[in-house]
Each structure stands twice: as C-alpha cells, then as structure tokens.
Amino acid sequence: MSSSANNDRPNTSSCTADDELLHVIFIRHGRTTDNANGVISGGTADPELVPEGRDQAKEAHKVYKALEAKGIVNDDTPVFTTDRRRAVDTAKLFTGRENGENFTIDPRLLERLLGDWDSTLTERLQKEIKAIPGFSPPTEENPSDHKAHVFECLDQRIAEAHGQPIIIVSHGGTTRRIAAYFGIEEGLEVQNAVPHHAVSNDGGKSWELKRFCVDVKGQLQEEVLPKKLVKVASTERTMESILAEHAPQACLSTIDHVFTIAIENNTDKEAIDALANDIGQLLIGKSYDAGTVVVEGAVVEVKLDKMQAEILQQYANLIGIEITDTSSFKDESKAIII
C-alpha cells in the first residue's frame, strides 16, 4: 500500500501474497436529478438517475464487457455498493445484472453526510464555502471521518477477496476517497459513470490507477492517472464577487426570502440577464423555475425558500459582507414589494 493511503490503518499487503495481482474496479453513479440541478447530494439524499444517467451507466457496461472478455471480471465478481437508488441502479446497468446478483450493500461507501444544507446548497456555492477556513455547514460530517470509514471498507473488502477482483459502485465524494486510498489525494475529476481501475502487482504495497474508456472501434483503453493531478481553476462568476460588487444595492427579505439587487439603469440588458442567471444557479440551482428569478428593468429579484435564504445570509456573514433587510429601506423607490 502506498504511504499516502496508510493513515495508521491495516496494510492490505499484510493479508495478501507479496506478488499477488489485485484489481479494484470502481465507478461513481450516473447523472441524477440533483446533479442535473447542480445541487449537492449527501449520504441521506436519494435522488434518482435521469435518463442521461441511465445512458451513462449503459455506456459504461461496454467497459464491463471488455473486462469480462479479458477475464478480469465475470458474473461472480462481487459488487459493493450502497442502498441509494442512484448507486444500485448504476451498479445493475454497469454490470448487466438486473437482479443485483452478488451485490453487497456496505453503508461505509455512502456519500459524506452533508448536514442541514443537503440537496439545497448548490455545487457552485459549496466550492466557495469550502474555501472558508474553519467553517462547515450545520451537522455536516467531518471529511476525515468519511475518509476513515471508506478506507476501512477498502481494507476489509480487498483483504477478503484474496486476490480476486472486486467492483465498487458508489458516490462522488466516496470515489475521491477511494482514489486517495490508491495514492491520489486530490485533483481527481470525478465524472458520472466513468469506471476506474486500481491495479497492484505486489499484493497492495503500491497501486497504479487508471481510467477506462472504450474507443470508436470498441477497444478498451486505459489512461494511467498521475499521482498528483492539477486542479483546474473555475472561470465562473462567484457569489462573493457578486456581493462585493452589488451589496450596497442588495437586500434580502427575512419575511418572504426574496433577494433583490438594483442595478444601474444604464446597464446592458444582456449583462443584467447574465447576472440574474448566475444568481439563480448559485442560490437555487441550474433548473430553477422561470418565476423564481425575475428581471424587471434594472432590478433582479430572486425568490428563495427559507433554507436558501439562510445559506445566503450565512455566507454573506462569513465573508464579511452585509446584506440589508428590505424592512430597513426608507426610500420606497428602492423597496421591492412582493
């Protein structure tokens, strides 16, 4: 086992022969309703696969069949997954085992518990919140705790396989923890339903991590992943930049949870619409209803639910930007009445 994956836990190589060949195939679930909307899904969330997600898992089945042709997997190869629909359905489509033969539900593979903001906080805003030192959303699971039980699961399942390949179908955060177990601590872009292959030729002392694809000729291809991956910086507009620029003209109603920004009247309409869309995606999600983000002249009005409004207010407090309550406006020309 590589040193980056130890963390004072049992070494898999102590349970296997030094020259034993080990295979672990692991894959994240296909695209879900939450993924499509751009909101986070933690261990308690149970969104279903969208049609695109099912197609992704069916496409990944080509990799399974190619591995089967190579003699690496077969219908007796054990599959470890969680009881969440997105994981089980992906596992069935990936392996072609409609009845879940040789599936084992292991709760240690669940996504990290994301607390009170689960299925509400958007992925875009989550990235900004993660960058704030010392803050975690209410009742969120500690990342180190999640990593520990994923590692524990891998130690046990690899040791019990006695050199036989295993398949793991799990979640985005869990897949990153699995990659860390095999030596990639960060930077792995975890895509929906893209199979990965961890191989050890020395009984688990060291691992090589690969990503699968099937080329246009139907041939299985494997991309060897480097141990250190470069994170790609996002070019999307952030909530922090929006608040920094527009906070003096913004307000958030504590009664009906409406977030309003009054923009200069000479601002280009296309720019206003783009700003409105960014705010909607940052605070609600990609699939926000048209009636929740409204542009009237140079005013952008975003209708949030209670939790979304709480997240916005908490975030503004954390970065030291004040958003005025609508009730404090004295000039009625600036107040928006809903």
Protein backbone atom coordinates (compact mmCIF):
# COMPACT_ATOMS: atom_id res chain seq x y z
CA MET A 1 0.00 0.00 0.00
CA SER A 2 1.38 3.42 -0.86
CA SER A 3 2.32 5.62 2.08
CA SER A 4 -0.28 8.22 1.14
CA ALA A 5 -3.02 5.68 1.82
CA ASN A 6 -1.91 4.32 5.20
CA ASN A 7 -3.06 6.66 7.99
CA ASP A 8 -2.37 4.08 10.74
CA ARG A 9 -4.78 1.50 9.31
CA PRO A 10 -4.05 -2.15 8.48
CA ASN A 11 -1.92 -2.64 5.38
CA THR A 12 -3.74 -4.68 2.75
CA SER A 13 -0.44 -6.27 1.75
CA SER A 14 -0.25 -7.97 5.15
CA CYS A 15 -3.27 -10.06 4.12
CA THR A 16 -2.09 -10.93 0.60
CA ALA A 17 0.93 -12.51 -1.04
CA ASP A 18 3.73 -10.11 -1.96
CA ASP A 19 3.44 -10.94 -5.66
CA GLU A 20 -0.35 -11.16 -5.76
CA LEU A 21 -2.13 -9.28 -8.57
CA LEU A 22 -5.03 -7.18 -7.23
CA HIS A 23 -7.81 -5.47 -9.19
CA VAL A 24 -10.35 -2.96 -7.89
CA ILE A 25 -12.86 -1.57 -10.40
CA PHE A 26 -14.69 1.47 -9.07
CA ILE A 27 -17.23 3.82 -10.57
CA ARG A 28 -19.42 6.70 -9.49
CA HIS A 29 -23.18 6.58 -10.16
CA GLY A 30 -24.71 8.10 -13.28
CA ARG A 31 -26.14 11.60 -13.51
CA THR A 32 -29.02 12.26 -11.09
CA THR A 33 -31.75 14.84 -10.71
CA ASP A 34 -29.59 16.66 -8.15
CA ASN A 35 -26.56 16.52 -10.45
CA ALA A 36 -28.66 17.94 -13.27
CA ASN A 37 -29.82 20.76 -11.00
CA GLY A 38 -26.31 21.42 -9.70
CA VAL A 39 -27.11 20.87 -6.01
CA ILE A 40 -25.20 18.68 -3.57
CA SER A 41 -26.33 15.17 -2.62
CA GLY A 42 -25.03 13.73 0.63
CA GLY A 43 -25.37 10.38 2.35
CA THR A 44 -29.03 10.87 3.27
CA ALA A 45 -30.14 12.14 -0.14
CA ASP A 46 -31.70 9.65 -2.54
CA PRO A 47 -32.22 11.29 -5.96
CA GLU A 48 -32.86 9.02 -8.91
CA LEU A 49 -30.97 8.73 -12.17
CA VAL A 50 -32.12 10.95 -15.01
CA PRO A 51 -32.34 9.34 -18.48
CA GLU A 52 -28.87 10.66 -19.30
CA GLY A 53 -27.56 8.98 -16.15
CA ARG A 54 -29.01 5.64 -17.16
CA ASP A 55 -27.46 6.03 -20.61
CA GLN A 56 -24.09 6.79 -18.99
CA ALA A 57 -24.30 3.60 -16.93
CA LYS A 58 -25.30 1.59 -20.02
CA GLU A 59 -22.34 3.05 -21.90
CA ALA A 60 -20.07 2.02 -19.01
CA HIS A 61 -21.36 -1.55 -19.46
CA LYS A 62 -19.17 -1.68 -22.58
CA VAL A 63 -16.17 -1.39 -20.25
CA TYR A 64 -17.56 -4.20 -18.10
CA LYS A 65 -17.96 -6.44 -21.16
CA ALA A 66 -14.42 -5.64 -22.30
CA LEU A 67 -13.10 -6.54 -18.84
CA GLU A 68 -15.16 -9.71 -18.98
CA ALA A 69 -13.60 -10.61 -22.33
CA LYS A 70 -10.16 -10.15 -20.75
CA GLY A 71 -11.09 -12.49 -17.92
CA ILE A 72 -10.82 -9.80 -15.24
CA VAL A 73 -14.49 -9.84 -14.20
CA ASN A 74 -17.45 -12.20 -14.54
CA ASP A 75 -20.91 -12.60 -13.10
CA ASP A 76 -19.42 -13.94 -9.87
CA THR A 77 -17.27 -10.86 -9.28
CA PRO A 78 -18.58 -9.24 -6.07
CA VAL A 79 -20.09 -5.78 -6.28
CA PHE A 80 -20.09 -3.48 -3.25
CA THR A 81 -22.44 -0.53 -3.31
CA THR A 82 -24.86 1.47 -1.13
CA ASP A 83 -28.62 1.33 -0.71
CA ARG A 84 -29.17 4.62 -2.55
CA ARG A 85 -31.12 4.32 -5.80
CA ARG A 86 -28.52 6.14 -7.85
CA ALA A 87 -25.81 3.69 -6.82
CA VAL A 88 -27.83 0.46 -7.05
CA ASP A 89 -29.36 1.35 -10.42
CA THR A 90 -25.95 2.28 -11.82
CA ALA A 91 -24.47 -0.99 -10.50
CA LYS A 92 -27.19 -3.00 -12.23
CA LEU A 93 -26.74 -1.20 -15.54
CA PHE A 94 -22.93 -1.25 -15.37
CA THR A 95 -22.73 -5.00 -14.71
CA GLY A 96 -25.85 -6.04 -16.61
CA ARG A 97 -27.11 -7.85 -13.51
CA GLU A 98 -30.71 -6.68 -13.40
CA ASN A 99 -31.46 -8.60 -10.20
CA GLY A 100 -28.38 -7.44 -8.35
CA GLU A 101 -26.65 -10.84 -8.19
CA ASN A 102 -23.60 -10.85 -5.92
CA PHE A 103 -24.30 -7.30 -4.72
CA THR A 104 -23.42 -6.35 -1.15
CA ILE A 105 -24.71 -3.17 0.46
CA ASP A 106 -21.99 -1.52 2.53
CA PRO A 107 -23.02 1.73 4.29
CA ARG A 108 -19.37 2.73 4.67
CA LEU A 109 -19.46 3.60 0.95
CA LEU A 110 -22.23 6.17 1.35
CA GLU A 111 -21.60 9.76 0.33
CA ARG A 112 -20.40 12.05 3.12
CA LEU A 113 -23.27 13.36 5.26
CA LEU A 114 -23.74 16.97 4.17
CA GLY A 115 -25.95 18.11 7.02
CA ASP A 116 -28.81 20.58 7.02
CA TRP A 117 -27.91 22.02 3.62
CA ASP A 118 -28.03 18.69 1.78
CA SER A 119 -29.96 18.80 -1.52
CA THR A 120 -30.27 22.61 -1.19
CA LEU A 121 -26.77 24.07 -1.34
CA THR A 122 -25.58 24.38 -4.93
CA GLU A 123 -22.32 22.83 -6.07
CA ARG A 124 -21.06 26.24 -7.21
CA LEU A 125 -21.66 27.91 -3.86
CA GLN A 126 -20.34 24.86 -2.00
CA LYS A 127 -16.93 25.40 -3.64
CA GLU A 128 -16.82 28.92 -2.22
CA ILE A 129 -17.94 27.81 1.23
CA LYS A 130 -15.34 25.04 1.33
CA ALA A 131 -12.65 27.69 0.84
CA ILE A 132 -13.61 29.46 4.08
CA PRO A 133 -11.22 28.28 6.84
CA GLY A 134 -12.76 26.72 9.92
CA PHE A 135 -16.38 26.62 8.71
CA SER A 136 -18.59 23.64 7.98
CA PRO A 137 -22.34 23.68 7.23
CA PRO A 138 -24.58 22.69 10.17
CA THR A 139 -24.39 18.97 11.14
CA GLU A 140 -22.06 18.14 8.24
CA GLU A 141 -19.87 15.04 8.61
CA ASN A 142 -16.16 15.68 9.11
CA PRO A 143 -14.28 14.78 5.89
CA SER A 144 -11.67 12.86 7.88
CA ASP A 145 -14.38 10.67 9.43
CA HIS A 146 -15.81 9.91 6.00
CA LYS A 147 -12.36 9.09 4.66
CA ALA A 148 -11.70 6.76 7.61
CA HIS A 149 -14.75 4.56 7.06
CA VAL A 150 -14.20 4.41 3.29
CA PHE A 151 -10.61 3.29 3.92
CA GLU A 152 -11.81 0.75 6.47
CA CYS A 153 -14.22 -0.68 3.91
CA LEU A 154 -11.48 -0.97 1.28
CA ASP A 155 -9.07 -2.64 3.70
CA GLN A 156 -11.65 -5.27 4.54
CA ARG A 157 -13.05 -5.92 1.08
CA ILE A 158 -9.66 -6.17 -0.64
CA ALA A 159 -8.30 -8.49 2.06
CA GLU A 160 -11.37 -10.73 1.97
CA ALA A 161 -11.19 -11.01 -1.83
CA HIS A 162 -7.91 -12.95 -1.55
CA GLY A 163 -6.66 -11.62 -4.87
CA GLN A 164 -9.97 -11.81 -6.73
CA PRO A 165 -11.14 -8.60 -8.47
CA ILE A 166 -13.90 -6.55 -6.81
CA ILE A 167 -16.24 -3.86 -8.11
CA ILE A 168 -17.32 -0.78 -6.14
CA VAL A 169 -20.21 1.45 -7.26
CA SER A 170 -20.61 4.49 -5.06
CA HIS A 171 -20.72 8.30 -4.99
CA GLY A 172 -18.68 11.35 -5.97
CA GLY A 173 -17.10 12.10 -2.60
CA THR A 174 -16.61 8.41 -1.89
CA THR A 175 -14.89 7.96 -5.25
CA ARG A 176 -12.45 10.73 -4.35
CA ARG A 177 -11.72 8.96 -1.05
CA ILE A 178 -11.16 5.70 -2.95
CA ALA A 179 -8.73 7.49 -5.28
CA ALA A 180 -6.93 8.83 -2.19
CA TYR A 181 -6.63 5.27 -0.87
CA PHE A 182 -4.78 4.37 -4.06
CA GLY A 183 -2.49 7.40 -3.85
CA ILE A 184 -4.29 10.35 -5.48
CA GLU A 185 -5.06 12.69 -2.60
CA GLU A 186 -6.75 15.44 -4.57
CA GLY A 187 -7.41 16.80 -8.04
CA LEU A 188 -9.32 13.81 -9.45
CA GLU A 189 -12.22 14.99 -11.56
CA VAL A 190 -14.93 12.51 -10.69
CA GLN A 191 -17.29 12.15 -13.62
CA ASN A 192 -20.60 10.33 -13.64
CA ALA A 193 -20.37 6.62 -14.52
CA VAL A 194 -16.73 6.62 -15.65
CA PRO A 195 -15.03 3.40 -14.49
CA HIS A 196 -11.61 3.45 -12.83
CA HIS A 197 -9.19 0.58 -12.34
CA ALA A 198 -6.72 0.26 -9.46
CA VAL A 199 -4.07 -2.43 -10.04
CA SER A 200 -1.38 -3.72 -7.70
CA ASN A 201 1.29 -6.19 -8.78
CA ASP A 202 2.79 -6.58 -5.32
CA GLY A 203 -0.10 -7.57 -3.09
CA GLY A 204 -1.16 -4.00 -2.29
CA LYS A 205 2.17 -2.36 -1.45
CA SER A 206 1.78 0.02 -4.41
CA TRP A 207 -1.02 0.79 -6.80
CA GLU A 208 -1.44 2.12 -10.33
CA LEU A 209 -4.66 3.97 -11.02
CA LYS A 210 -6.22 4.04 -14.47
CA ARG A 211 -9.35 5.44 -16.07
CA PHE A 212 -11.26 3.36 -18.61
CA CYS A 213 -12.86 4.24 -21.91
CA VAL A 214 -13.94 2.32 -25.00
CA ASP A 215 -12.74 3.79 -28.29
CA VAL A 216 -14.73 4.15 -31.51
CA LYS A 217 -13.57 0.68 -32.59
CA GLY A 218 -14.95 -0.84 -29.41
CA GLN A 219 -11.50 -1.45 -27.94
CA LEU A 220 -10.87 -0.95 -24.22
CA GLN A 221 -8.44 1.87 -23.49
CA GLU A 222 -6.88 2.75 -20.14
CA GLU A 223 -5.43 6.12 -19.20
CA VAL A 224 -2.86 5.91 -16.40
CA LEU A 225 -3.51 8.71 -13.92
CA PRO A 226 -0.59 10.55 -12.31
CA LYS A 227 -0.39 10.55 -8.52
CA LYS A 228 -0.66 14.33 -8.49
CA LEU A 229 -3.34 16.00 -10.58
CA VAL A 230 -3.55 19.72 -11.22
CA LYS A 231 -6.78 21.34 -10.12
CA VAL A 232 -8.36 23.46 -12.84
CA ALA A 233 -9.47 26.86 -11.61
CA SER A 234 -13.07 27.77 -12.32
CA THR A 235 -13.81 30.76 -14.53
CA GLU A 236 -17.44 31.02 -13.43
CA ARG A 237 -18.66 34.12 -11.61
CA THR A 238 -18.73 33.67 -7.84
CA MET A 239 -21.27 34.71 -5.23
CA GLU A 240 -18.50 36.57 -3.43
CA SER A 241 -17.75 38.70 -6.49
CA ILE A 242 -21.46 39.43 -6.99
CA LEU A 243 -21.91 40.52 -3.37
CA ALA A 244 -18.69 42.54 -3.39
CA GLU A 245 -19.92 44.50 -6.39
CA HIS A 246 -23.62 44.78 -5.65
CA ALA A 247 -24.10 44.53 -1.86
CA PRO A 248 -24.82 48.27 -1.42
CA GLN A 249 -27.77 47.88 -3.82
CA ALA A 250 -28.90 44.49 -2.49
CA CYS A 251 -31.41 43.41 0.12
CA LEU A 252 -32.77 40.14 1.50
CA SER A 253 -36.26 39.97 2.95
CA THR A 254 -36.36 37.98 6.18
CA ILE A 255 -40.12 37.55 5.78
CA ASP A 256 -40.63 36.21 2.26
CA HIS A 257 -36.99 35.32 1.47
CA VAL A 258 -36.66 37.47 -1.64
CA PHE A 259 -33.15 38.55 -2.62
CA THR A 260 -33.09 41.76 -4.66
CA ILE A 261 -30.35 43.64 -6.46
CA ALA A 262 -30.96 47.08 -8.02
CA ILE A 263 -28.52 47.67 -10.87
CA GLU A 264 -27.61 50.93 -12.56
CA ASN A 265 -30.23 51.82 -15.17
CA ASN A 266 -27.67 52.22 -17.95
CA THR A 267 -26.51 48.58 -17.58
CA ASP A 268 -26.82 46.48 -20.71
CA LYS A 269 -29.86 44.14 -20.60
CA GLU A 270 -27.77 41.15 -21.66
CA ALA A 271 -25.43 41.78 -18.73
CA ILE A 272 -28.39 42.03 -16.33
CA ASP A 273 -29.87 38.76 -17.62
CA ALA A 274 -26.47 37.03 -17.27
CA LEU A 275 -26.16 38.27 -13.69
CA ALA A 276 -29.69 37.08 -12.90
CA ASN A 277 -28.92 33.64 -14.32
CA ASP A 278 -25.71 33.36 -12.30
CA ILE A 279 -27.51 34.30 -9.08
CA GLY A 280 -30.27 31.78 -9.80
CA GLN A 281 -27.76 28.99 -10.42
CA LEU A 282 -25.65 29.92 -7.38
CA LEU A 283 -28.53 30.11 -4.92
CA ILE A 284 -31.21 27.75 -6.34
CA GLY A 285 -29.64 25.51 -8.97
CA LYS A 286 -29.40 25.04 -12.71
CA SER A 287 -33.06 24.03 -13.04
CA TYR A 288 -34.62 27.00 -11.28
CA ASP A 289 -38.18 27.86 -12.30
CA ALA A 290 -38.53 30.93 -14.50
CA GLY A 291 -40.81 32.57 -11.94
CA THR A 292 -38.19 32.39 -9.19
CA VAL A 293 -35.67 34.64 -10.97
CA VAL A 294 -37.29 37.76 -12.34
CA VAL A 295 -35.76 40.77 -14.08
CA GLU A 296 -37.82 43.97 -14.06
CA GLY A 297 -35.95 46.77 -15.74
CA ALA A 298 -32.68 47.11 -13.82
CA VAL A 299 -33.85 45.09 -10.82
CA VAL A 300 -33.06 41.40 -10.31
CA GLU A 301 -35.38 39.60 -7.94
CA VAL A 302 -34.71 36.04 -6.75
CA LYS A 303 -37.38 34.19 -4.77
CA LEU A 304 -35.70 31.77 -2.36
CA ASP A 305 -37.02 29.26 0.13
CA LYS A 306 -36.18 29.59 3.82
CA MET A 307 -33.10 27.36 3.72
CA GLN A 308 -31.70 29.01 0.58
CA ALA A 309 -32.12 32.42 2.24
CA GLU A 310 -30.38 31.16 5.38
CA ILE A 311 -27.47 29.86 3.31
CA LEU A 312 -27.09 33.21 1.52
CA GLN A 313 -27.21 35.16 4.79
CA GLN A 314 -24.74 32.81 6.48
CA TYR A 315 -22.36 33.02 3.54
CA ALA A 316 -22.51 36.83 3.46
CA ASN A 317 -21.75 36.91 7.19
CA LEU A 318 -18.79 34.58 6.75
CA ILE A 319 -17.15 36.75 4.09
CA GLY A 320 -17.94 39.95 5.98
CA ILE A 321 -20.46 41.48 3.59
CA GLU A 322 -23.69 42.94 4.91
CA ILE A 323 -26.94 42.41 3.04
CA THR A 324 -29.60 44.87 4.11
CA ASP A 325 -33.04 43.66 5.16
CA THR A 326 -35.84 45.03 2.98
CA SER A 327 -37.59 46.42 6.04
CA SER A 328 -34.70 48.82 6.65
CA PHE A 329 -35.23 50.65 3.37
CA LYS A 330 -36.64 54.12 3.95
CA ASP A 331 -36.78 55.12 0.34
CA GLU A 332 -39.81 53.34 -1.13
CA SER A 333 -38.40 53.79 -4.61
CA LYS A 334 -35.74 51.23 -3.71
CA ALA A 335 -38.03 48.77 -1.97
CA ILE A 336 -39.49 45.84 -3.86
CA ILE A 337 -42.96 44.87 -2.69
CA ILE A 338 -43.97 41.25 -3.38
